Amino acid sequence: MNTGKLVIGLTGTLLAGKGIVTEILKSKGMHHVSIRELIREELIKDNIALTRKTMQDIGNLRRKQFGQGYWMQKALDKYKSYDSPLIIESLRNMGEADYLREHSNFVLIGVDAPFEIRWARIKKRNVDSDLIDHDKFVIDDARDRGFNEPLDGQQVGMCLVHADFLINNDEDFTRLEDSKLYRDVNEIYRKITKK
């Protein structure tokens, strides 16, 4: 394992709870870079509509053009002035995880939940770019997991298989601090940091 700064990569299916896991880890003093936000910045700069498809397309295109570590290098560049651990949210390709294993002290956490629970979450979230349509969500989810995707494409399913830790976020909760998710993330954090 690389002895550089600790980098925790988060991968996971659509609406599995990566954002909540990120918030729990940020509360421990970790810095955060969202690949989703880096992609959004490029789409806005290029005046391209923000949809899940365009985000997946530009993610794939940049990996194809500049290598599978493209987004990870951008994340590490954004973070290089900090000494504290870093969370990189939304790894979607095994080449990204491989890149981070070579360039940092890296741990990959996967977050998943059953399809119907994630579908209920997307309806509740009601964000325009999600285009809430069950058939479209099925297609987006399959693509995100890696179905019919090229080597530099979406590979969340493969990333989950190779995660160092896997969280099943299958519950709804009223108070985060009382949830199984909160306990699971804290236990993983203790194992990673030995705190």
Protein backbone atom coordinates (compact mmCIF):
# COMPACT_ATOMS: atom_id res chain seq x y z
CA MET A 1 0.00 0.00 0.00
CA ASN A 2 1.22 3.52 -0.81
CA THR A 3 2.29 5.42 2.32
CA GLY A 4 1.04 8.82 1.11
CA LYS A 5 -1.95 10.74 2.42
CA LEU A 6 -5.06 8.75 3.25
CA VAL A 7 -7.64 8.88 0.46
CA ILE A 8 -11.02 7.23 0.90
CA GLY A 9 -12.81 6.61 -2.37
CA LEU A 10 -16.57 6.16 -2.39
CA THR A 11 -18.32 4.18 -5.06
CA GLY A 12 -21.90 3.06 -5.17
CA THR A 13 -25.10 2.62 -7.05
CA LEU A 14 -27.41 5.51 -7.84
CA LEU A 15 -29.13 6.79 -4.69
CA ALA A 16 -27.42 4.24 -2.44
CA GLY A 17 -26.31 6.93 0.02
CA LYS A 18 -22.80 8.02 -0.97
CA GLY A 19 -23.63 11.60 -0.02
CA ILE A 20 -24.68 10.64 3.49
CA VAL A 21 -21.55 8.52 3.96
CA THR A 22 -19.51 11.51 2.77
CA GLU A 23 -21.17 13.80 5.33
CA ILE A 24 -20.42 11.37 8.17
CA LEU A 25 -16.75 11.19 7.14
CA LYS A 26 -16.52 14.98 6.65
CA SER A 27 -17.71 15.42 10.24
CA LYS A 28 -14.44 13.74 11.28
CA GLY A 29 -12.37 16.50 9.69
CA MET A 30 -11.80 14.95 6.28
CA HIS A 31 -11.69 17.03 3.12
CA HIS A 32 -14.00 16.17 0.24
CA VAL A 33 -13.90 16.26 -3.55
CA SER A 34 -16.93 15.18 -5.57
CA ILE A 35 -16.25 13.76 -9.03
CA ARG A 36 -19.87 14.58 -9.84
CA GLU A 37 -19.10 18.26 -9.14
CA LEU A 38 -15.92 18.17 -11.25
CA ILE A 39 -17.96 16.75 -14.13
CA ARG A 40 -20.71 19.34 -13.60
CA GLU A 41 -18.08 22.11 -13.80
CA GLU A 42 -16.89 20.80 -17.19
CA LEU A 43 -20.42 20.53 -18.54
CA ILE A 44 -21.26 24.07 -17.43
CA LYS A 45 -18.00 25.39 -18.92
CA ASP A 46 -18.85 23.67 -22.23
CA ASN A 47 -22.49 24.84 -22.04
CA ILE A 48 -23.86 21.26 -22.08
CA ALA A 49 -27.16 20.40 -20.38
CA LEU A 50 -26.79 18.77 -16.95
CA THR A 51 -28.43 15.35 -17.15
CA ARG A 52 -27.34 11.97 -15.83
CA LYS A 53 -26.61 10.87 -19.41
CA THR A 54 -24.44 13.89 -20.26
CA MET A 55 -22.57 13.46 -16.98
CA GLN A 56 -21.95 9.78 -17.70
CA ASP A 57 -20.96 10.62 -21.29
CA ILE A 58 -18.41 13.31 -20.33
CA GLY A 59 -17.03 11.09 -17.55
CA ASN A 60 -16.45 8.31 -20.08
CA LEU A 61 -15.11 10.67 -22.75
CA ARG A 62 -12.47 12.23 -20.48
CA ARG A 63 -11.30 8.79 -19.29
CA LYS A 64 -11.03 7.70 -22.93
CA GLN A 65 -9.21 10.87 -23.99
CA PHE A 66 -6.83 11.30 -21.06
CA GLY A 67 -6.69 7.95 -19.25
CA GLN A 68 -8.73 6.26 -16.56
CA GLY A 69 -7.06 8.31 -13.82
CA TYR A 70 -8.16 11.65 -15.33
CA TRP A 71 -10.84 12.52 -12.77
CA MET A 72 -8.75 11.21 -9.87
CA GLN A 73 -5.80 13.38 -10.87
CA LYS A 74 -8.11 16.41 -10.99
CA ALA A 75 -9.39 15.51 -7.50
CA LEU A 76 -5.89 15.07 -6.08
CA ASP A 77 -4.75 18.34 -7.67
CA LYS A 78 -7.65 20.15 -6.01
CA TYR A 79 -6.64 18.66 -2.66
CA LYS A 80 -2.83 18.84 -2.73
CA SER A 81 -2.51 21.82 -0.35
CA TYR A 82 -4.19 19.92 2.53
CA ASP A 83 -2.62 17.50 4.99
CA SER A 84 -5.80 15.89 6.33
CA PRO A 85 -7.37 12.76 4.80
CA LEU A 86 -9.48 13.13 1.65
CA ILE A 87 -12.77 11.64 0.55
CA ILE A 88 -13.26 11.31 -3.21
CA GLU A 89 -16.94 10.74 -3.86
CA SER A 90 -18.33 8.91 -6.89
CA LEU A 91 -15.65 6.65 -8.34
CA ARG A 92 -17.26 4.94 -11.32
CA ASN A 93 -14.44 3.00 -13.00
CA MET A 94 -11.90 0.44 -11.79
CA GLY A 95 -9.10 2.38 -13.49
CA GLU A 96 -9.88 5.24 -11.10
CA ALA A 97 -9.47 2.98 -8.08
CA ASP A 98 -6.25 1.53 -9.54
CA TYR A 99 -4.89 5.04 -10.11
CA LEU A 100 -5.56 6.02 -6.49
CA ARG A 101 -4.00 2.80 -5.17
CA GLU A 102 -0.81 3.80 -7.02
CA HIS A 103 -0.80 7.46 -5.93
CA SER A 104 -2.08 7.47 -2.35
CA ASN A 105 -2.79 5.45 0.78
CA PHE A 106 -6.15 4.39 -0.67
CA VAL A 107 -9.23 2.63 0.68
CA LEU A 108 -12.35 2.00 -1.42
CA ILE A 109 -15.75 1.98 0.28
CA GLY A 110 -18.77 0.73 -1.66
CA VAL A 111 -22.34 1.75 -0.87
CA ASP A 112 -25.30 -0.17 -2.21
CA ALA A 113 -29.02 -0.65 -1.58
CA PRO A 114 -31.76 -2.71 -3.20
CA PHE A 115 -33.14 -1.31 -6.46
CA GLU A 116 -36.68 -0.60 -5.19
CA ILE A 117 -35.36 1.31 -2.17
CA ARG A 118 -33.18 3.43 -4.46
CA TRP A 119 -36.13 4.00 -6.81
CA ALA A 120 -38.20 5.24 -3.88
CA ARG A 121 -35.37 7.59 -2.90
CA ILE A 122 -35.06 9.07 -6.37
CA LYS A 123 -38.82 9.77 -6.47
CA LYS A 124 -38.60 11.43 -3.07
CA ARG A 125 -35.53 13.49 -4.06
CA ASN A 126 -37.35 14.79 -7.17
CA VAL A 127 -34.38 16.43 -8.91
CA ASP A 128 -34.97 17.43 -12.55
CA SER A 129 -31.74 15.88 -13.87
CA ASP A 130 -32.91 12.50 -12.58
CA LEU A 131 -35.93 12.61 -14.93
CA ILE A 132 -38.08 10.50 -12.68
CA ASP A 133 -39.28 7.71 -14.91
CA HIS A 134 -39.01 4.09 -13.78
CA ASP A 135 -37.89 2.73 -17.17
CA LYS A 136 -35.28 5.47 -17.54
CA PHE A 137 -33.99 4.80 -14.03
CA VAL A 138 -33.63 1.09 -14.88
CA ILE A 139 -31.58 2.02 -17.97
CA ASP A 140 -29.46 4.61 -16.11
CA ASP A 141 -28.83 2.16 -13.28
CA ALA A 142 -27.78 -0.64 -15.67
CA ARG A 143 -25.40 1.71 -17.49
CA ASP A 144 -23.97 3.00 -14.20
CA ARG A 145 -23.26 -0.58 -13.06
CA GLY A 146 -21.41 -1.26 -16.33
CA PHE A 147 -23.91 -2.99 -18.60
CA ASN A 148 -22.77 -2.55 -22.25
CA GLU A 149 -20.09 -0.07 -21.17
CA PRO A 150 -16.54 0.13 -22.60
CA LEU A 151 -13.42 -0.37 -20.47
CA ASP A 152 -13.20 3.37 -19.78
CA GLY A 153 -16.94 3.60 -19.10
CA GLN A 154 -19.17 3.26 -16.08
CA GLN A 155 -18.17 0.25 -13.94
CA VAL A 156 -19.79 0.73 -10.55
CA GLY A 157 -20.69 -2.96 -10.33
CA MET A 158 -17.03 -3.93 -10.71
CA CYS A 159 -15.96 -1.23 -8.25
CA LEU A 160 -18.38 -2.64 -5.67
CA VAL A 161 -16.94 -6.13 -6.13
CA HIS A 162 -13.42 -4.79 -5.48
CA ALA A 163 -14.31 -2.44 -2.58
CA ASP A 164 -12.32 -2.85 0.63
CA PHE A 165 -15.52 -2.28 2.61
CA LEU A 166 -19.14 -2.62 1.47
CA ILE A 167 -22.11 -0.92 3.13
CA ASN A 168 -25.68 -2.04 2.52
CA ASN A 169 -27.77 1.09 3.10
CA ASP A 170 -31.20 -0.52 3.01
CA GLU A 171 -32.95 1.30 5.84
CA ASP A 172 -34.85 4.53 6.21
CA PHE A 173 -34.13 6.45 9.37
CA THR A 174 -35.39 9.50 11.18
CA ARG A 175 -32.18 10.35 13.00
CA LEU A 176 -28.87 9.60 11.27
CA GLU A 177 -27.00 9.06 14.54
CA ASP A 178 -29.36 6.18 15.42
CA SER A 179 -29.00 4.42 12.06
CA LYS A 180 -27.15 1.26 11.10
CA LEU A 181 -25.51 3.30 8.31
CA TYR A 182 -23.99 5.68 10.88
CA ARG A 183 -22.67 2.78 12.97
CA ASP A 184 -21.27 1.02 9.89
CA VAL A 185 -19.44 4.12 8.63
CA ASN A 186 -17.97 4.81 12.08
CA GLU A 187 -16.78 1.21 12.39
CA ILE A 188 -15.12 1.36 8.97
CA TYR A 189 -13.52 4.71 9.88
CA ARG A 190 -12.09 3.18 13.07
CA LYS A 191 -10.64 0.25 11.12
CA ILE A 192 -9.09 2.51 8.49
CA THR A 193 -7.62 5.09 10.86
CA LYS A 194 -7.07 2.82 13.88
CA LYS A 195 -8.83 5.46 16.03
